[in-house]
Amino acid sequence: MLDPDDTRQSDLRSGSSPWRADAGHPRGETLEADLRCDVAIIGGGITGAMLAEHLTARGRKVVLVDRERPGFGSTVASTAMLQWEIDQPLRRLSALYGFERAADIYRRSLRAVVGLRELVLDQQLRCAFHPRDTVYLAAGETGARELLDEHLLRERAGLPGSLLGHDLLLREFGFDRAAAIVSPGSAEADPLSLCHALLGVAAARGARLIRDEAVAFDGQGRSAMVQLGAGHTIEAGHVVLATGYVMPDCVRSDLHRIASSWALATQPQPAQALWPRRALVWEASTDYVYCRTTDDGGIVIGGEDEASDDADLRERLGPEKTEALLGKLAALVPAARLSLAHTWSGAFGQTGDGLPLIGRVPGQPRLLAAYGYGGNGITFSFLASRLLGALLEGREKAWFSDFAIDRPSPV
């Protein structure tokens, strides 16, 4: 488990990803006195940025606190595949929670990507955002049969997508797998640019970005309090924790665990190595690899996850994991040139059911939290901003319990 007192951005990722914010990064101010606000957000990564944009759009007076550079922790290590398909397949989620509940969760994830696309267009956010199809590949000998079951459940839930057999998949995409589900409605982006663009919009509406460390929280009184390392105090109507994979001691969940993941980006590829529509590609397996392309025509591939949050181990395993990923890329895309542009790794949050942790912190009425774990981190960050925005306005819906921090483990 990552220690919130000792963990820094350098412990969350290593190497160099392709993401470079064109306009630099927002610079936080040093607080000169105590202050009061409607909502204090702790954490300046993509989740905190999404919350700051949404809450300022709703007229809230927002202060965002980060002890390091906004977006340069786990956000910059993201591959930013903005998928509505959840790490937990619909058939498995249905086995855990029943079909109707699982289908509703999937439809909300789809609407979250739609909402994010509308936000990017409405605010003209410069973040290399592109709508993309997804190609969900069969893995192993039983993969085609499992994909058929998944496809039929998705059809029943009203979700978009087509099932391609081996011959059609090979002809249309060049992937030599038994089958795949091809679905519209997902997207890709530069996660760092997206984070900084959202913070820029929030700052233009009056949000204050504070460079300091939040060392203590109290959400039990008539107002919430945040104690900063430099000595000043922020009094707020509510505090929202958006601290990424570093979970404070006051937030407890039986579903939460941290792993490590590795990724690489190639140099620009010849046209024949890039599959049609530059779809997002991932596998129907527990420890899947995933691929996307970059604006300059390179290929990003990631995976090779390990159940460890040890930064030193992650660093030592880097060369071995890079070679493994290059081998998987060569097998999946034989025409690809295996020339490296970037290699990196990062902490990767997971939950037992593949869903995020969003909502009130138990025992702390004025403390809320948003942890968008899994391969849908940014999608869940958008969903979190809307869910928490509703809670702050006194609107509660039954489906919020699907993501509650203290929901019981289904397994």
Protein backbone atom coordinates (compact mmCIF):
# COMPACT_ATOMS: atom_id res chain seq x y z
CA MET A 1 0.00 0.00 0.00
CA LEU A 2 1.31 3.45 -0.91
CA ASP A 3 2.04 5.64 2.12
CA PRO A 4 0.34 9.04 1.65
CA ASP A 5 2.96 10.76 3.79
CA ASP A 6 5.99 9.47 1.90
CA THR A 7 4.78 8.85 -1.67
CA ARG A 8 5.74 11.44 -4.28
CA GLN A 9 5.08 11.72 -8.00
CA SER A 10 8.38 10.01 -8.78
CA ASP A 11 7.13 6.96 -6.83
CA LEU A 12 4.03 6.72 -9.02
CA ARG A 13 5.72 6.53 -12.41
CA SER A 14 9.10 6.28 -14.07
CA GLY A 15 10.49 6.69 -17.56
CA SER A 16 9.14 9.17 -20.09
CA SER A 17 5.69 9.06 -21.69
CA PRO A 18 4.82 10.85 -24.97
CA TRP A 19 2.58 13.42 -23.32
CA ARG A 20 3.82 17.01 -23.37
CA ALA A 21 1.47 19.87 -22.55
CA ASP A 22 2.01 22.56 -25.20
CA ALA A 23 1.22 25.48 -22.92
CA GLY A 24 3.29 24.26 -19.99
CA HIS A 25 1.52 23.53 -16.74
CA PRO A 26 -0.57 25.65 -14.37
CA ARG A 27 1.53 27.00 -11.54
CA GLY A 28 0.06 27.01 -8.08
CA GLU A 29 0.30 29.97 -5.77
CA THR A 30 1.62 30.01 -2.22
CA LEU A 31 -1.09 30.67 0.32
CA GLU A 32 -0.38 33.75 2.43
CA ALA A 33 -3.30 33.44 4.86
CA ASP A 34 -6.14 31.14 5.87
CA LEU A 35 -9.05 31.11 3.47
CA ARG A 36 -12.65 29.94 3.02
CA CYS A 37 -14.21 28.29 -0.02
CA ASP A 38 -17.16 26.16 -1.05
CA VAL A 39 -15.13 23.10 -2.08
CA ALA A 40 -11.48 22.24 -1.48
CA ILE A 41 -10.13 19.62 -3.88
CA ILE A 42 -7.02 17.71 -2.83
CA GLY A 43 -5.09 16.53 -5.88
CA GLY A 44 -4.33 18.22 -9.19
CA GLY A 45 -4.34 15.21 -11.52
CA ILE A 46 -7.01 14.45 -14.09
CA THR A 47 -9.68 13.66 -11.48
CA GLY A 48 -9.09 16.86 -9.53
CA ALA A 49 -9.02 18.85 -12.76
CA MET A 50 -12.29 17.32 -13.94
CA LEU A 51 -13.90 18.18 -10.61
CA ALA A 52 -12.55 21.74 -10.61
CA GLU A 53 -13.91 22.42 -14.09
CA HIS A 54 -17.34 21.00 -13.32
CA LEU A 55 -17.78 22.59 -9.91
CA THR A 56 -16.72 26.04 -11.12
CA ALA A 57 -19.18 25.65 -14.00
CA ARG A 58 -21.85 25.10 -11.32
CA GLY A 59 -20.86 28.36 -9.62
CA ARG A 60 -18.83 26.89 -6.77
CA LYS A 61 -15.90 28.71 -5.21
CA VAL A 62 -13.14 26.13 -5.57
CA VAL A 63 -9.63 25.79 -4.16
CA LEU A 64 -7.42 22.99 -5.47
CA VAL A 65 -4.36 21.88 -3.48
CA ASP A 66 -1.45 19.83 -4.82
CA ARG A 67 1.97 19.44 -3.25
CA GLU A 68 3.66 18.89 -6.64
CA ARG A 69 3.13 19.80 -10.30
CA PRO A 70 -0.49 19.20 -11.38
CA GLY A 71 -0.82 16.24 -13.73
CA PHE A 72 2.73 14.93 -13.37
CA GLY A 73 1.88 11.97 -11.13
CA SER A 74 -0.23 9.08 -12.40
CA THR A 75 -1.94 11.24 -15.03
CA VAL A 76 1.18 11.62 -17.16
CA ALA A 77 1.71 7.84 -16.98
CA SER A 78 -1.78 7.12 -18.36
CA THR A 79 -2.24 5.77 -21.88
CA ALA A 80 -5.54 7.71 -21.96
CA MET A 81 -7.67 5.12 -23.70
CA LEU A 82 -11.03 6.68 -22.89
CA GLN A 83 -13.12 3.53 -23.06
CA TRP A 84 -16.68 2.91 -21.97
CA GLU A 85 -16.00 -0.83 -21.85
CA ILE A 86 -15.08 -1.73 -18.29
CA ASP A 87 -12.18 -3.94 -17.16
CA GLN A 88 -14.77 -6.34 -15.78
CA PRO A 89 -16.67 -7.79 -18.78
CA LEU A 90 -20.43 -7.42 -18.70
CA ARG A 91 -20.89 -11.16 -18.24
CA ARG A 92 -18.68 -11.15 -15.12
CA LEU A 93 -20.16 -7.95 -13.74
CA SER A 94 -23.61 -9.51 -14.25
CA ALA A 95 -22.50 -12.56 -12.27
CA LEU A 96 -21.47 -10.25 -9.42
CA TYR A 97 -24.39 -7.81 -9.38
CA GLY A 98 -27.12 -9.17 -11.67
CA PHE A 99 -27.69 -8.27 -15.30
CA GLU A 100 -29.88 -5.16 -14.85
CA ARG A 101 -27.49 -3.47 -12.45
CA ALA A 102 -24.42 -4.40 -14.51
CA ALA A 103 -26.04 -3.20 -17.74
CA ASP A 104 -26.93 0.12 -16.12
CA ILE A 105 -23.30 0.59 -15.01
CA TYR A 106 -22.10 -0.08 -18.55
CA ARG A 107 -24.59 2.39 -20.04
CA ARG A 108 -23.46 5.06 -17.57
CA SER A 109 -19.85 4.47 -18.60
CA LEU A 110 -20.85 4.91 -22.25
CA ARG A 111 -22.65 8.16 -21.43
CA ALA A 112 -19.60 9.38 -19.51
CA VAL A 113 -17.43 9.16 -22.64
CA VAL A 114 -20.15 10.96 -24.61
CA GLY A 115 -20.25 13.66 -21.95
CA LEU A 116 -16.48 14.02 -21.98
CA ARG A 117 -16.49 14.44 -25.75
CA GLU A 118 -19.16 17.14 -25.46
CA LEU A 119 -17.11 18.93 -22.79
CA VAL A 120 -13.96 18.89 -24.94
CA LEU A 121 -15.87 20.30 -27.90
CA ASP A 122 -17.81 22.87 -25.87
CA GLN A 123 -14.73 24.23 -24.08
CA GLN A 124 -12.45 23.76 -27.11
CA LEU A 125 -9.92 21.91 -25.01
CA ARG A 126 -6.65 21.32 -26.85
CA CYS A 127 -5.79 17.77 -25.85
CA ALA A 128 -5.48 15.63 -29.02
CA PHE A 129 -8.94 14.21 -28.38
CA HIS A 130 -10.16 11.80 -31.06
CA PRO A 131 -13.26 9.57 -31.07
CA ARG A 132 -12.22 5.95 -31.55
CA ASP A 133 -13.72 2.51 -32.00
CA THR A 134 -12.48 -0.28 -29.77
CA VAL A 135 -11.38 -3.75 -30.88
CA TYR A 136 -11.83 -6.25 -28.05
CA LEU A 137 -9.79 -9.28 -29.08
CA ALA A 138 -10.35 -12.92 -28.20
CA ALA A 139 -7.52 -14.44 -26.17
CA GLY A 140 -6.87 -18.17 -25.92
CA GLU A 141 -8.73 -21.16 -27.28
CA THR A 142 -12.06 -20.40 -25.55
CA GLY A 143 -11.96 -16.71 -26.38
CA ALA A 144 -14.35 -16.77 -29.35
CA ARG A 145 -17.10 -18.51 -27.37
CA GLU A 146 -16.70 -16.10 -24.45
CA LEU A 147 -16.84 -13.12 -26.80
CA LEU A 148 -20.09 -14.42 -28.31
CA ASP A 149 -21.62 -14.59 -24.82
CA GLU A 150 -20.35 -11.08 -24.07
CA HIS A 151 -21.69 -9.73 -27.36
CA LEU A 152 -25.16 -11.20 -26.78
CA LEU A 153 -25.31 -9.65 -23.31
CA ARG A 154 -24.24 -6.28 -24.69
CA GLU A 155 -26.94 -6.47 -27.35
CA ARG A 156 -29.50 -7.21 -24.64
CA ALA A 157 -28.25 -4.15 -22.70
CA GLY A 158 -28.62 -1.92 -25.77
CA LEU A 159 -24.87 -1.34 -26.10
CA PRO A 160 -23.31 -0.75 -29.54
CA GLY A 161 -20.92 -3.18 -31.21
CA SER A 162 -20.46 -5.95 -33.77
CA LEU A 163 -18.91 -9.40 -33.42
CA LEU A 164 -16.28 -10.20 -36.06
CA GLY A 165 -15.09 -13.73 -36.72
CA HIS A 166 -11.51 -14.63 -37.57
CA ASP A 167 -11.65 -14.11 -41.35
CA LEU A 168 -13.45 -10.77 -41.23
CA LEU A 169 -11.26 -9.52 -38.38
CA LEU A 170 -8.11 -10.45 -40.28
CA ARG A 171 -9.36 -8.85 -43.47
CA GLU A 172 -10.60 -5.60 -41.88
CA PHE A 173 -7.98 -5.03 -39.16
CA GLY A 174 -5.12 -7.43 -39.82
CA PHE A 175 -5.38 -9.07 -36.37
CA ASP A 176 -4.94 -12.85 -36.44
CA ARG A 177 -7.27 -13.71 -33.57
CA ALA A 178 -10.30 -15.99 -33.35
CA ALA A 179 -12.79 -13.13 -32.97
CA ALA A 180 -13.29 -9.58 -31.72
CA ILE A 181 -16.05 -7.23 -30.65
CA VAL A 182 -15.73 -3.91 -32.49
CA SER A 183 -17.57 -1.07 -30.78
CA PRO A 184 -17.95 2.68 -31.40
CA GLY A 185 -18.15 5.35 -28.73
CA SER A 186 -14.72 5.44 -27.09
CA ALA A 187 -11.92 7.99 -27.54
CA GLU A 188 -8.28 8.83 -26.90
CA ALA A 189 -6.54 11.98 -25.69
CA ASP A 190 -3.29 13.43 -24.43
CA PRO A 191 -4.00 13.07 -20.68
CA LEU A 192 -1.58 15.75 -19.54
CA SER A 193 -2.90 18.34 -21.98
CA LEU A 194 -6.47 17.44 -21.02
CA CYS A 195 -5.66 17.87 -17.33
CA HIS A 196 -4.00 21.23 -17.84
CA ALA A 197 -6.72 22.49 -20.17
CA LEU A 198 -9.39 21.67 -17.58
CA LEU A 199 -7.39 23.41 -14.84
CA GLY A 200 -7.02 26.43 -17.10
CA VAL A 201 -10.77 26.66 -17.58
CA ALA A 202 -11.37 26.30 -13.84
CA ALA A 203 -8.75 28.95 -13.02
CA ALA A 204 -10.33 31.36 -15.51
CA ARG A 205 -13.57 30.98 -13.57
CA GLY A 206 -11.86 31.86 -10.30
CA ALA A 207 -10.54 28.56 -8.96
CA ARG A 208 -7.33 28.97 -6.95
CA LEU A 209 -4.51 26.46 -7.37
CA ILE A 210 -2.45 26.15 -4.17
CA ARG A 211 1.02 24.57 -4.13
CA ASP A 212 1.19 22.96 -0.70
CA GLU A 213 0.67 19.67 1.08
CA ALA A 214 -2.62 18.82 2.76
CA VAL A 215 -1.45 17.17 5.98
CA ALA A 216 -4.78 16.74 7.80
CA PHE A 217 -8.51 16.72 7.05
CA ASP A 218 -11.59 17.06 9.21
CA GLY A 219 -14.99 16.53 7.63
CA GLN A 220 -17.00 16.01 10.81
CA GLY A 221 -17.80 19.57 11.88
CA ARG A 222 -20.21 22.23 10.66
CA SER A 223 -17.61 22.94 7.97
CA ALA A 224 -14.67 20.93 6.68
CA MET A 225 -11.07 21.83 7.47
CA VAL A 226 -7.81 21.19 5.61
CA GLN A 227 -4.51 21.78 7.38
CA LEU A 228 -1.63 22.64 5.05
CA GLY A 229 2.00 21.80 5.56
CA ALA A 230 3.03 25.45 5.47
CA GLY A 231 0.76 26.16 8.43
CA HIS A 232 -2.35 27.74 6.90
CA THR A 233 -5.88 26.32 7.07
CA ILE A 234 -8.58 26.06 4.44
CA GLU A 235 -12.16 26.05 5.70
CA ALA A 236 -14.60 24.62 3.17
CA GLY A 237 -18.17 23.54 2.86
CA HIS A 238 -16.82 20.21 1.64
CA VAL A 239 -13.46 18.62 0.87
CA VAL A 240 -13.03 16.25 -2.07
CA LEU A 241 -10.11 13.83 -2.09
CA ALA A 242 -8.78 13.22 -5.60
CA THR A 243 -5.37 11.93 -4.60
CA GLY A 244 -5.01 9.26 -7.27
CA TYR A 245 -3.45 6.02 -6.10
CA VAL A 246 -2.33 7.50 -2.76
CA MET A 247 -5.31 6.90 -0.50
CA PRO A 248 -5.31 8.70 2.88
CA ASP A 249 -5.80 6.63 6.01
CA CYS A 250 -9.31 8.02 6.53
CA VAL A 251 -10.49 6.29 3.34
CA ARG A 252 -10.86 2.55 3.69
CA SER A 253 -12.05 0.01 1.14
CA ASP A 254 -11.83 -3.77 0.96
CA LEU A 255 -11.90 -3.52 -2.84
CA HIS A 256 -8.79 -1.40 -3.34
CA ARG A 257 -5.33 -2.58 -4.39
CA ILE A 258 -2.36 -1.15 -6.28
CA ALA A 259 -0.38 -2.88 -9.03
CA SER A 260 2.24 -1.79 -11.57
CA SER A 261 1.93 -1.54 -15.34
CA TRP A 262 4.41 -0.86 -18.16
CA ALA A 263 4.04 0.86 -21.51
CA LEU A 264 6.04 1.97 -24.52
CA ALA A 265 5.54 4.17 -27.56
CA THR A 266 7.21 3.47 -30.89
CA GLN A 267 8.59 5.87 -33.42
CA PRO A 268 6.12 6.86 -36.20
CA GLN A 269 5.05 3.80 -38.16
CA PRO A 270 4.58 3.15 -41.88
CA ALA A 271 0.96 3.38 -42.96
CA GLN A 272 0.63 -0.40 -43.40
CA ALA A 273 1.40 -0.94 -39.70
CA LEU A 274 -1.53 1.20 -38.51
CA TRP A 275 -4.86 -0.59 -38.38
CA PRO A 276 -8.06 0.98 -39.81
CA ARG A 277 -9.62 3.90 -37.95
CA ARG A 278 -6.74 3.64 -35.44
CA ALA A 279 -9.07 1.93 -33.00
CA LEU A 280 -8.20 1.23 -29.38
CA VAL A 281 -7.20 -2.41 -29.05
CA TRP A 282 -7.31 -4.64 -25.99
CA GLU A 283 -7.67 -8.29 -25.08
CA ALA A 284 -10.42 -10.31 -23.44
CA SER A 285 -8.18 -11.65 -20.68
CA THR A 286 -7.42 -10.80 -17.07
CA ASP A 287 -3.86 -9.58 -17.68
CA TYR A 288 -4.47 -8.00 -21.05
CA VAL A 289 -2.26 -5.90 -23.29
CA TYR A 290 -3.70 -2.76 -24.86
CA CYS A 291 -2.74 -0.63 -27.85
CA ARG A 292 -3.49 2.77 -29.30
CA THR A 293 -1.81 5.13 -31.72
CA THR A 294 -0.41 8.62 -31.23
CA ASP A 295 -0.94 11.78 -33.23
CA ASP A 296 2.43 11.35 -34.95
CA GLY A 297 1.60 7.81 -36.06
CA GLY A 298 3.40 5.85 -33.37
CA ILE A 299 1.96 2.87 -31.52
CA VAL A 300 1.50 2.75 -27.75
CA ILE A 301 1.30 -0.69 -26.16
CA GLY A 302 0.97 -1.42 -22.46
CA GLY A 303 0.37 -4.22 -20.01
CA GLU A 304 2.58 -6.83 -18.34
CA ASP A 305 0.99 -5.90 -15.00
CA GLU A 306 2.48 -7.02 -11.69
CA ALA A 307 0.70 -7.15 -8.34
CA SER A 308 3.19 -4.82 -6.66
CA ASP A 309 3.42 -1.10 -5.95
CA ASP A 310 7.18 -1.22 -5.28
CA ALA A 311 8.74 1.62 -7.30
CA ASP A 312 12.23 0.07 -7.14
CA LEU A 313 10.94 -3.27 -8.44
CA ARG A 314 9.05 -1.48 -11.21
CA GLU A 315 12.27 0.26 -12.24
CA ARG A 316 14.31 -2.96 -12.21
CA LEU A 317 11.75 -4.83 -14.29
CA GLY A 318 11.58 -2.07 -16.91
CA PRO A 319 13.97 -3.56 -19.54
CA GLU A 320 12.43 -7.03 -19.21
CA LYS A 321 8.89 -5.66 -19.52
CA THR A 322 9.83 -3.52 -22.52
CA GLU A 323 11.16 -6.58 -24.34
CA ALA A 324 8.01 -8.53 -23.51
CA LEU A 325 5.78 -5.73 -24.82
CA LEU A 326 7.82 -5.44 -28.02
CA GLY A 327 7.38 -9.18 -28.54
CA LYS A 328 3.62 -8.89 -28.09
CA LEU A 329 3.47 -5.94 -30.46
CA ALA A 330 5.39 -7.90 -33.10
CA ALA A 331 2.97 -10.82 -32.74
CA LEU A 332 -0.11 -8.60 -32.94
CA VAL A 333 1.12 -6.22 -35.66
CA PRO A 334 3.82 -8.00 -37.73
CA ALA A 335 4.32 -4.93 -39.94
CA ALA A 336 5.21 -2.71 -36.97
CA ARG A 337 8.71 -1.28 -36.69
CA LEU A 338 9.98 -1.96 -33.18
CA SER A 339 11.90 1.30 -32.77
CA LEU A 340 11.34 2.91 -29.39
CA ALA A 341 10.43 6.53 -28.75
CA HIS A 342 9.36 6.29 -25.09
CA THR A 343 9.20 3.72 -22.31
CA TRP A 344 7.52 4.25 -18.97
CA SER A 345 5.74 2.57 -16.10
CA GLY A 346 3.38 3.55 -13.34
CA ALA A 347 1.29 2.58 -10.36
CA PHE A 348 -2.03 1.19 -11.47
CA GLY A 349 -5.07 1.13 -9.21
CA GLN A 350 -7.56 -1.71 -9.28
CA THR A 351 -10.71 -2.77 -7.48
CA GLY A 352 -12.14 -6.23 -7.02
CA ASP A 353 -15.16 -5.48 -9.22
CA GLY A 354 -13.44 -3.18 -11.74
CA LEU A 355 -15.49 -0.15 -10.65
CA PRO A 356 -14.33 3.16 -9.17
CA LEU A 357 -14.65 4.37 -5.58
CA ILE A 358 -16.74 7.55 -5.60
CA GLY A 359 -18.86 9.17 -2.92
CA ARG A 360 -18.94 10.15 0.72
CA VAL A 361 -16.17 9.05 3.06
CA PRO A 362 -17.89 7.04 5.81
CA GLY A 363 -17.88 8.83 9.15
CA GLN A 364 -16.90 12.16 7.55
CA PRO A 365 -20.11 13.94 6.39
CA ARG A 366 -18.24 16.80 4.69
CA LEU A 367 -15.52 14.66 3.13
CA LEU A 368 -15.98 13.10 -0.30
CA ALA A 369 -13.58 11.14 -2.49
CA ALA A 370 -13.10 10.11 -6.10
CA TYR A 371 -10.82 7.26 -7.08
CA GLY A 372 -11.24 6.23 -10.73
CA TYR A 373 -9.35 2.97 -10.88
CA GLY A 374 -8.76 0.48 -13.68
CA GLY A 375 -8.39 0.92 -17.41
CA ASN A 376 -11.27 3.42 -17.36
CA GLY A 377 -9.61 5.94 -15.06
CA ILE A 378 -10.37 9.10 -17.05
CA THR A 379 -13.86 7.91 -17.99
CA PHE A 380 -14.55 7.31 -14.32
CA SER A 381 -13.05 10.71 -13.45
CA PHE A 382 -15.69 12.37 -15.60
CA LEU A 383 -18.41 10.24 -14.02
CA ALA A 384 -17.06 11.14 -10.56
CA SER A 385 -17.25 14.86 -11.27
CA ARG A 386 -20.93 14.57 -12.15
CA LEU A 387 -21.80 12.23 -9.28
CA LEU A 388 -20.04 14.34 -6.65
CA GLY A 389 -21.42 17.53 -8.18
CA ALA A 390 -24.91 16.13 -7.64
CA LEU A 391 -24.14 15.12 -4.05
CA LEU A 392 -22.86 18.62 -3.29
CA GLU A 393 -26.15 20.01 -4.55
CA GLY A 394 -28.14 17.67 -2.34
CA ARG A 395 -29.22 15.35 -5.17
CA GLU A 396 -28.93 11.67 -4.35
CA LYS A 397 -29.75 8.83 -6.75
CA ALA A 398 -30.02 5.11 -6.12
CA TRP A 399 -27.29 4.24 -8.63
CA PHE A 400 -24.68 6.20 -6.66
CA SER A 401 -24.41 3.17 -4.36
CA ASP A 402 -22.89 1.17 -7.25
CA PHE A 403 -19.70 3.20 -6.77
CA ALA A 404 -19.83 3.83 -3.01
CA ILE A 405 -16.51 3.71 -1.18
CA ASP A 406 -17.90 1.39 1.51
CA ARG A 407 -19.84 -0.94 -0.80
CA PRO A 408 -19.32 -4.57 0.23
CA SER A 409 -16.93 -6.74 -1.72
CA PRO A 410 -18.89 -9.05 -4.04
CA VAL A 411 -16.28 -11.79 -3.89
